[in-house]
Each structure stands twice: as C-alpha cells, then as structure tokens.
Amino acid sequence: MKNSVEYRNLSIKELSDSVDATEKELQRLKFAHAVSPLENPRRITHLRKMVATMKTILNEKVTRELSDKISSGEVTADNVYSILNKEYPITLRKSSIKSLFAQAGE
C-alpha cells in the first residue's frame, strides 16, 4: 500500500486513475468473496480505506487548484460548472463551491 504522502505527490489525473483502478480491484474482490471466501477478507476493508484516502486527497487537490483559479480570475461564478465538468474527475457540492468564492472575496 502506498502511504498518503505518496498519493499527495501524484497529479490529479494519476490520482483519479489510481482511484478507478483500486475501486475496480475492490469490486472484483467483493464478487470473489461472495462466491467463495477469500483467504484474507481484511483486504476488502484495506482497499476500501485506500479508496477513501485517495478520494480525500483528490478532493483536497481539486479544491486547492480551483481556489487558485478563482483567485486569479480564471474561473468565475458563470463558468465554474463547465470547467469542473471538463477538467476535474470529481463533483463538488454547491456549498463547497460557494465557500471557495466567498474565500476569494467574490
């Protein structure tokens, strides 16, 4: 398992790909465990925690990058959702986006 420091060094795209691969592995293990017991069923718990850690770090990275773009004026309230949909692999809540604009003073 990579520790969270190694995940923090990945780019948003690499981290997103890693989340997808780990989720697929988790799904595969869940199906295998449903058919016949796994030798180490704690691996499922371990993978679930890895996915949660990676998604948390991904959310932090996207929020930080979006905050920087809002501060620089590259992203406005009018185009924030189109940029989010095109450039970022996660969905942020409206309240999170509003707080980013509030912090930027807009």
Protein backbone atom coordinates (compact mmCIF):
# COMPACT_ATOMS: atom_id res chain seq x y z
CA MET A 1 0.00 0.00 0.00
CA LYS A 2 1.20 3.47 -0.77
CA ASN A 3 1.00 5.84 2.13
CA SER A 4 -0.82 9.13 1.86
CA VAL A 5 2.44 11.05 1.27
CA GLU A 6 2.98 9.10 -1.95
CA TYR A 7 -0.61 9.79 -3.03
CA ARG A 8 -0.11 13.50 -2.42
CA ASN A 9 2.79 13.51 -4.88
CA LEU A 10 0.58 12.25 -7.73
CA SER A 11 -1.14 14.56 -10.18
CA ILE A 12 -4.92 14.87 -10.23
CA LYS A 13 -5.13 12.66 -13.35
CA GLU A 14 -2.83 9.98 -11.90
CA LEU A 15 -4.70 10.00 -8.62
CA SER A 16 -8.04 9.73 -10.39
CA ASP A 17 -6.76 6.76 -12.42
CA SER A 18 -5.47 5.15 -9.24
CA VAL A 19 -8.86 5.58 -7.56
CA ASP A 20 -10.58 3.96 -10.55
CA ALA A 21 -8.16 1.01 -10.58
CA THR A 22 -8.46 0.47 -6.84
CA GLU A 23 -12.26 0.63 -6.99
CA LYS A 24 -12.26 -1.99 -9.76
CA GLU A 25 -9.98 -4.21 -7.68
CA LEU A 26 -12.27 -3.74 -4.68
CA GLN A 27 -15.31 -4.68 -6.75
CA ARG A 28 -13.51 -7.76 -8.07
CA LEU A 29 -12.59 -8.85 -4.55
CA LYS A 30 -16.15 -8.33 -3.30
CA PHE A 31 -17.51 -10.55 -6.07
CA ALA A 32 -14.83 -13.18 -5.44
CA HIS A 33 -15.62 -13.13 -1.72
CA ALA A 34 -19.34 -13.58 -2.42
CA VAL A 35 -18.63 -16.70 -4.50
CA SER A 36 -16.08 -18.27 -2.19
CA PRO A 37 -14.41 -16.95 0.97
CA LEU A 38 -11.18 -15.06 0.47
CA GLU A 39 -8.02 -16.15 2.20
CA ASN A 40 -7.66 -12.65 3.65
CA PRO A 41 -11.05 -10.87 3.78
CA ARG A 42 -9.49 -7.89 5.54
CA ARG A 43 -8.04 -6.95 2.16
CA ILE A 44 -11.53 -5.66 1.23
CA THR A 45 -11.51 -3.32 4.25
CA HIS A 46 -7.97 -2.24 3.43
CA LEU A 47 -8.88 -1.38 -0.17
CA ARG A 48 -11.99 0.50 0.93
CA LYS A 49 -9.85 2.64 3.25
CA MET A 50 -7.31 3.22 0.47
CA VAL A 51 -10.07 4.45 -1.84
CA ALA A 52 -11.37 6.79 0.87
CA THR A 53 -7.87 8.18 1.46
CA MET A 54 -7.24 8.71 -2.24
CA LYS A 55 -10.62 10.40 -2.76
CA THR A 56 -9.96 12.71 0.19
CA ILE A 57 -6.59 13.73 -1.23
CA LEU A 58 -8.12 14.12 -4.70
CA ASN A 59 -10.83 16.38 -3.27
CA GLU A 60 -8.18 18.48 -1.49
CA LYS A 61 -6.11 18.83 -4.67
CA VAL A 62 -9.09 19.79 -6.84
CA THR A 63 -10.38 22.26 -4.24
CA ARG A 64 -6.92 23.85 -3.89
CA GLU A 65 -6.46 24.13 -7.65
CA LEU A 66 -9.95 25.51 -8.17
CA SER A 67 -9.40 28.01 -5.37
CA ASP A 68 -6.21 29.20 -7.06
CA LYS A 69 -8.04 29.60 -10.38
CA ILE A 70 -10.84 31.54 -8.69
CA SER A 71 -8.31 33.85 -7.00
CA SER A 72 -6.55 34.51 -10.29
CA GLY A 73 -9.86 35.28 -12.03
CA GLU A 74 -9.55 32.38 -14.45
CA VAL A 75 -12.76 30.85 -13.07
CA THR A 76 -15.89 32.88 -12.43
CA ALA A 77 -19.28 32.01 -11.00
CA ASP A 78 -20.62 31.85 -14.56
CA ASN A 79 -18.18 29.24 -15.88
CA VAL A 80 -17.29 27.25 -12.76
CA TYR A 81 -19.56 24.28 -13.53
CA SER A 82 -18.43 23.93 -17.14
CA ILE A 83 -14.78 23.95 -16.02
CA LEU A 84 -15.50 21.44 -13.26
CA ASN A 85 -17.19 19.08 -15.70
CA LYS A 86 -14.41 19.33 -18.30
CA GLU A 87 -11.25 19.37 -16.21
CA TYR A 88 -11.88 17.56 -12.94
CA PRO A 89 -12.83 13.95 -12.22
CA ILE A 90 -14.91 14.69 -9.10
CA THR A 91 -18.10 16.53 -8.29
CA LEU A 92 -18.02 19.27 -5.68
CA ARG A 93 -21.09 20.28 -3.73
CA LYS A 94 -22.59 23.70 -4.40
CA SER A 95 -21.88 24.70 -0.81
CA SER A 96 -18.18 23.91 -1.30
CA ILE A 97 -18.05 25.99 -4.47
CA LYS A 98 -19.86 28.90 -2.79
CA SER A 99 -17.38 28.83 0.10
CA LEU A 100 -14.46 28.96 -2.37
CA PHE A 101 -15.92 32.08 -3.95
CA ALA A 102 -16.58 33.56 -0.50
CA GLN A 103 -12.95 32.98 0.49
CA ALA A 104 -11.80 34.64 -2.71
CA GLY A 105 -13.95 37.67 -1.89
CA GLU A 106 -16.35 37.47 -4.83
